[in-house]
N, C-alpha and C. Protein backbone atom coordinates (compact mmCIF):
# COMPACT_ATOMS: atom_id res chain seq x y z
N MET A 1 0.83 -1.19 0.00
CA MET A 1 0.00 0.00 0.00
C MET A 1 0.87 1.25 0.00
N GLY A 2 1.94 1.24 0.82
CA GLY A 2 2.81 2.40 0.83
C GLY A 2 2.96 3.01 2.20
N SER A 3 3.54 4.19 2.18
CA SER A 3 3.76 4.88 3.45
C SER A 3 3.15 6.27 3.41
N LYS A 4 2.90 6.77 4.60
CA LYS A 4 2.31 8.09 4.74
C LYS A 4 3.08 8.81 5.83
N GLU A 5 3.43 10.06 5.55
CA GLU A 5 4.12 10.89 6.54
C GLU A 5 3.36 12.18 6.72
N PHE A 6 3.27 12.63 7.97
CA PHE A 6 2.64 13.92 8.23
C PHE A 6 3.14 14.48 9.55
N THR A 7 2.89 15.77 9.73
CA THR A 7 3.34 16.49 10.92
C THR A 7 2.13 17.12 11.59
N LYS A 8 2.12 17.10 12.92
CA LYS A 8 1.07 17.75 13.71
C LYS A 8 1.75 18.74 14.65
N GLU A 9 1.21 19.93 14.72
CA GLU A 9 1.74 20.94 15.64
C GLU A 9 1.25 20.63 17.05
N LEU A 10 2.12 20.77 18.02
CA LEU A 10 1.76 20.53 19.42
C LEU A 10 1.60 21.82 20.21
N SER A 11 2.27 22.88 19.79
CA SER A 11 2.21 24.14 20.53
C SER A 11 1.74 25.26 19.61
N LEU A 12 1.15 26.26 20.22
CA LEU A 12 0.63 27.39 19.45
C LEU A 12 1.73 28.18 18.75
N ASP A 13 2.93 28.20 19.33
CA ASP A 13 4.03 28.95 18.72
C ASP A 13 4.71 28.16 17.58
N ARG A 14 4.21 26.97 17.31
CA ARG A 14 4.69 26.11 16.22
C ARG A 14 6.15 25.68 16.40
N GLU A 15 6.61 25.64 17.65
CA GLU A 15 7.98 25.22 17.92
C GLU A 15 8.05 23.83 18.55
N ASP A 16 6.93 23.15 18.57
CA ASP A 16 6.87 21.76 19.04
C ASP A 16 5.98 21.01 18.06
N ARG A 17 6.50 19.89 17.55
CA ARG A 17 5.75 19.16 16.53
C ARG A 17 5.89 17.66 16.72
N LEU A 18 4.94 16.98 16.17
CA LEU A 18 4.88 15.53 16.18
C LEU A 18 4.97 15.07 14.73
N ARG A 19 6.01 14.31 14.41
CA ARG A 19 6.15 13.77 13.05
C ARG A 19 5.81 12.30 13.08
N ILE A 20 4.96 11.89 12.15
CA ILE A 20 4.48 10.51 12.13
C ILE A 20 4.71 9.91 10.75
N LYS A 21 5.24 8.70 10.74
CA LYS A 21 5.40 7.95 9.50
C LYS A 21 4.78 6.58 9.72
N ILE A 22 3.93 6.18 8.78
CA ILE A 22 3.23 4.90 8.88
C ILE A 22 3.42 4.14 7.57
N GLU A 23 3.82 2.89 7.67
CA GLU A 23 3.90 2.03 6.49
C GLU A 23 2.82 0.96 6.60
N VAL A 24 2.07 0.81 5.52
CA VAL A 24 0.96 -0.13 5.49
C VAL A 24 1.15 -1.08 4.31
N GLU A 25 0.89 -2.36 4.57
CA GLU A 25 0.96 -3.37 3.53
C GLU A 25 -0.27 -4.26 3.65
N LYS A 26 -1.02 -4.37 2.56
CA LYS A 26 -2.25 -5.18 2.53
C LYS A 26 -3.20 -4.81 3.67
N GLY A 27 -3.32 -3.51 3.93
CA GLY A 27 -4.23 -3.02 4.94
C GLY A 27 -3.75 -3.16 6.38
N LYS A 28 -2.52 -3.62 6.56
CA LYS A 28 -1.98 -3.82 7.91
C LYS A 28 -0.79 -2.89 8.13
N VAL A 29 -0.75 -2.26 9.31
CA VAL A 29 0.38 -1.40 9.67
C VAL A 29 1.60 -2.30 9.90
N ILE A 30 2.69 -2.05 9.16
CA ILE A 30 3.89 -2.88 9.31
C ILE A 30 5.08 -2.12 9.89
N ASP A 31 5.01 -0.80 9.93
CA ASP A 31 6.09 -0.01 10.52
C ASP A 31 5.55 1.36 10.93
N VAL A 32 6.04 1.87 12.05
CA VAL A 32 5.65 3.20 12.53
C VAL A 32 6.86 3.92 13.09
N VAL A 33 6.85 5.24 12.92
CA VAL A 33 7.80 6.12 13.59
C VAL A 33 6.99 7.32 14.06
N VAL A 34 7.05 7.59 15.34
CA VAL A 34 6.37 8.75 15.92
C VAL A 34 7.44 9.51 16.69
N GLN A 35 7.71 10.74 16.25
CA GLN A 35 8.81 11.50 16.85
C GLN A 35 8.36 12.89 17.27
N TYR A 36 8.69 13.23 18.50
CA TYR A 36 8.45 14.58 19.01
C TYR A 36 9.72 15.39 18.82
N GLU A 37 9.58 16.56 18.20
CA GLU A 37 10.70 17.46 17.95
C GLU A 37 10.35 18.84 18.48
N SER A 38 11.37 19.55 18.97
CA SER A 38 11.16 20.89 19.48
C SER A 38 12.22 21.83 18.93
N LYS A 39 11.80 23.04 18.63
CA LYS A 39 12.72 24.07 18.17
C LYS A 39 13.18 24.86 19.38
N ILE A 40 14.48 24.73 19.69
CA ILE A 40 15.08 25.39 20.85
C ILE A 40 16.23 26.24 20.34
N LYS A 41 16.14 27.54 20.59
CA LYS A 41 17.16 28.49 20.11
C LYS A 41 17.42 28.32 18.61
N ASP A 42 16.34 28.31 17.83
CA ASP A 42 16.39 28.25 16.37
C ASP A 42 16.94 26.95 15.79
N LYS A 43 16.99 25.89 16.59
CA LYS A 43 17.44 24.59 16.07
C LYS A 43 16.42 23.52 16.47
N TRP A 44 16.08 22.63 15.51
CA TRP A 44 15.15 21.54 15.78
C TRP A 44 15.90 20.36 16.40
N TYR A 45 15.35 19.83 17.49
CA TYR A 45 15.92 18.67 18.18
C TYR A 45 14.89 17.55 18.27
N PRO A 46 15.28 16.32 17.95
CA PRO A 46 14.41 15.18 18.27
C PRO A 46 14.52 14.93 19.78
N ILE A 47 13.38 14.75 20.44
CA ILE A 47 13.38 14.59 21.89
C ILE A 47 12.91 13.19 22.29
N VAL A 48 11.86 12.71 21.66
CA VAL A 48 11.33 11.37 21.92
C VAL A 48 10.96 10.74 20.59
N ARG A 49 11.32 9.46 20.44
CA ARG A 49 10.95 8.75 19.21
C ARG A 49 10.46 7.35 19.57
N TYR A 50 9.34 6.99 19.00
CA TYR A 50 8.83 5.63 19.08
C TYR A 50 9.02 5.00 17.71
N ASP A 51 9.53 3.77 17.68
CA ASP A 51 9.63 3.05 16.42
C ASP A 51 9.84 1.56 16.70
N CYS A 52 9.97 0.80 15.63
CA CYS A 52 10.22 -0.64 15.77
C CYS A 52 11.40 -1.05 14.89
N SER A 53 12.38 -0.16 14.79
CA SER A 53 13.51 -0.36 13.90
C SER A 53 14.44 -1.51 14.31
N HIS A 54 14.39 -1.95 15.54
CA HIS A 54 15.26 -3.04 16.00
C HIS A 54 14.49 -4.35 16.14
N GLY A 55 13.34 -4.42 15.47
CA GLY A 55 12.54 -5.63 15.53
C GLY A 55 11.55 -5.68 16.67
N PHE A 56 11.46 -4.59 17.45
CA PHE A 56 10.50 -4.52 18.54
C PHE A 56 10.11 -3.06 18.74
N PHE A 57 8.91 -2.85 19.25
CA PHE A 57 8.42 -1.50 19.47
C PHE A 57 9.08 -0.94 20.72
N HIS A 58 9.59 0.29 20.62
CA HIS A 58 10.29 0.90 21.74
C HIS A 58 10.24 2.43 21.66
N ARG A 59 10.62 3.03 22.79
CA ARG A 59 10.71 4.49 22.89
C ARG A 59 12.17 4.85 23.12
N ASP A 60 12.66 5.80 22.35
CA ASP A 60 13.99 6.37 22.56
C ASP A 60 13.80 7.77 23.13
N ILE A 61 14.40 8.02 24.29
CA ILE A 61 14.41 9.37 24.87
C ILE A 61 15.81 9.91 24.64
N LEU A 62 15.89 11.04 23.95
CA LEU A 62 17.18 11.58 23.54
C LEU A 62 17.59 12.78 24.38
N ASN A 63 18.90 13.07 24.36
CA ASN A 63 19.39 14.29 25.00
C ASN A 63 20.05 15.17 23.93
N LYS A 64 20.56 16.32 24.34
CA LYS A 64 21.14 17.27 23.38
C LYS A 64 22.36 16.73 22.66
N LYS A 65 23.05 15.76 23.26
CA LYS A 65 24.23 15.16 22.65
C LYS A 65 23.85 14.08 21.64
N GLY A 66 22.57 13.74 21.55
CA GLY A 66 22.13 12.69 20.65
C GLY A 66 22.14 11.31 21.28
N GLU A 67 22.55 11.24 22.55
CA GLU A 67 22.51 9.96 23.26
C GLU A 67 21.06 9.60 23.55
N LYS A 68 20.78 8.31 23.62
CA LYS A 68 19.39 7.91 23.85
C LYS A 68 19.27 6.80 24.86
N THR A 69 18.13 6.78 25.50
CA THR A 69 17.76 5.72 26.42
C THR A 69 16.62 4.96 25.75
N LYS A 70 16.79 3.67 25.55
CA LYS A 70 15.79 2.84 24.87
C LYS A 70 14.94 2.13 25.91
N GLN A 71 13.62 2.20 25.70
CA GLN A 71 12.68 1.53 26.60
C GLN A 71 11.73 0.69 25.76
N VAL A 72 11.72 -0.62 26.00
CA VAL A 72 10.83 -1.52 25.28
C VAL A 72 9.39 -1.25 25.72
N ILE A 73 8.50 -1.19 24.75
CA ILE A 73 7.07 -1.01 25.03
C ILE A 73 6.38 -2.31 24.57
N GLN A 74 5.73 -2.98 25.49
CA GLN A 74 5.14 -4.30 25.21
C GLN A 74 3.79 -4.19 24.51
N ILE A 75 3.81 -3.72 23.26
CA ILE A 75 2.61 -3.68 22.43
C ILE A 75 2.98 -4.34 21.11
N GLN A 76 2.32 -5.41 20.77
CA GLN A 76 2.65 -6.16 19.55
C GLN A 76 1.94 -5.60 18.32
N ASN A 77 0.69 -5.19 18.48
CA ASN A 77 -0.10 -4.68 17.36
C ASN A 77 0.35 -3.25 17.04
N LEU A 78 0.91 -3.04 15.86
CA LEU A 78 1.48 -1.73 15.54
C LEU A 78 0.42 -0.63 15.40
N LYS A 79 -0.79 -0.98 15.07
CA LYS A 79 -1.85 0.03 15.04
C LYS A 79 -2.11 0.55 16.46
N ASP A 80 -2.15 -0.35 17.43
CA ASP A 80 -2.30 0.05 18.82
C ASP A 80 -1.07 0.82 19.31
N ALA A 81 0.11 0.38 18.87
CA ALA A 81 1.35 1.04 19.25
C ALA A 81 1.37 2.49 18.74
N LEU A 82 0.91 2.69 17.53
CA LEU A 82 0.84 4.03 16.96
C LEU A 82 -0.06 4.93 17.80
N THR A 83 -1.21 4.42 18.17
CA THR A 83 -2.14 5.18 19.01
C THR A 83 -1.51 5.51 20.35
N TYR A 84 -0.86 4.54 20.97
CA TYR A 84 -0.20 4.73 22.25
C TYR A 84 0.87 5.82 22.17
N ALA A 85 1.73 5.71 21.16
CA ALA A 85 2.85 6.65 21.02
C ALA A 85 2.35 8.08 20.81
N GLU A 86 1.38 8.22 19.92
CA GLU A 86 0.85 9.56 19.63
C GLU A 86 0.21 10.17 20.88
N GLN A 87 -0.56 9.38 21.60
CA GLN A 87 -1.24 9.90 22.79
C GLN A 87 -0.24 10.24 23.89
N ASP A 88 0.78 9.39 24.08
CA ASP A 88 1.79 9.66 25.10
C ASP A 88 2.47 11.01 24.83
N ILE A 89 2.85 11.25 23.60
CA ILE A 89 3.54 12.50 23.29
C ILE A 89 2.60 13.69 23.42
N LYS A 90 1.37 13.56 22.97
CA LYS A 90 0.41 14.66 23.11
C LYS A 90 0.18 14.99 24.59
N ASP A 91 0.16 13.97 25.43
CA ASP A 91 -0.10 14.18 26.86
C ASP A 91 1.12 14.72 27.61
N ARG A 92 2.34 14.34 27.18
CA ARG A 92 3.52 14.62 27.99
C ARG A 92 4.63 15.39 27.29
N TRP A 93 4.37 16.02 26.14
CA TRP A 93 5.45 16.67 25.40
C TRP A 93 6.15 17.76 26.22
N GLU A 94 5.39 18.49 27.02
CA GLU A 94 6.00 19.55 27.82
C GLU A 94 6.97 18.97 28.86
N TRP A 95 6.59 17.85 29.46
CA TRP A 95 7.44 17.16 30.43
C TRP A 95 8.70 16.65 29.74
N TYR A 96 8.56 16.02 28.57
CA TYR A 96 9.73 15.54 27.82
C TYR A 96 10.67 16.70 27.47
N LYS A 97 10.09 17.82 27.09
CA LYS A 97 10.90 18.98 26.70
C LYS A 97 11.70 19.51 27.89
N GLU A 98 11.08 19.59 29.05
CA GLU A 98 11.79 20.07 30.25
C GLU A 98 12.94 19.16 30.60
N ARG A 99 12.73 17.86 30.55
CA ARG A 99 13.81 16.90 30.82
C ARG A 99 14.95 17.08 29.83
N PHE A 100 14.61 17.27 28.55
CA PHE A 100 15.61 17.46 27.51
C PHE A 100 16.43 18.70 27.80
N LYS A 101 15.76 19.80 28.12
CA LYS A 101 16.45 21.06 28.38
C LYS A 101 17.36 20.98 29.60
N LYS A 102 17.00 20.14 30.58
CA LYS A 102 17.82 19.95 31.78
C LYS A 102 18.93 18.93 31.57
N GLY A 103 18.93 18.27 30.40
CA GLY A 103 19.97 17.29 30.11
C GLY A 103 19.71 15.90 30.67
N ILE A 104 18.45 15.62 31.03
CA ILE A 104 18.09 14.32 31.58
C ILE A 104 17.60 13.42 30.45
N LYS A 105 18.15 12.20 30.38
CA LYS A 105 17.68 11.22 29.38
C LYS A 105 16.47 10.50 29.90
């Protein structure tokens, strides 16, 4: 079927966004990437990313140096995983941003 990519704004100042990429094959979600990015001092930073690039669904929490902490998320159905990831970021993006700015992974 193909892939679809889109961006959703999280903040009114348009400096926080959610980027989503979904790959579908025969009507089934086969790959997802959900990434929260924030513009800090005129530079875009990835802060949280959900994906299944290592063969399992997980969350990467990043810091300013690009280091990441990987956390396995026990959701097998990628459609459900997509919903979970999007909702988590919508609910907690401000918290993730504060941790990032303080240098906490």
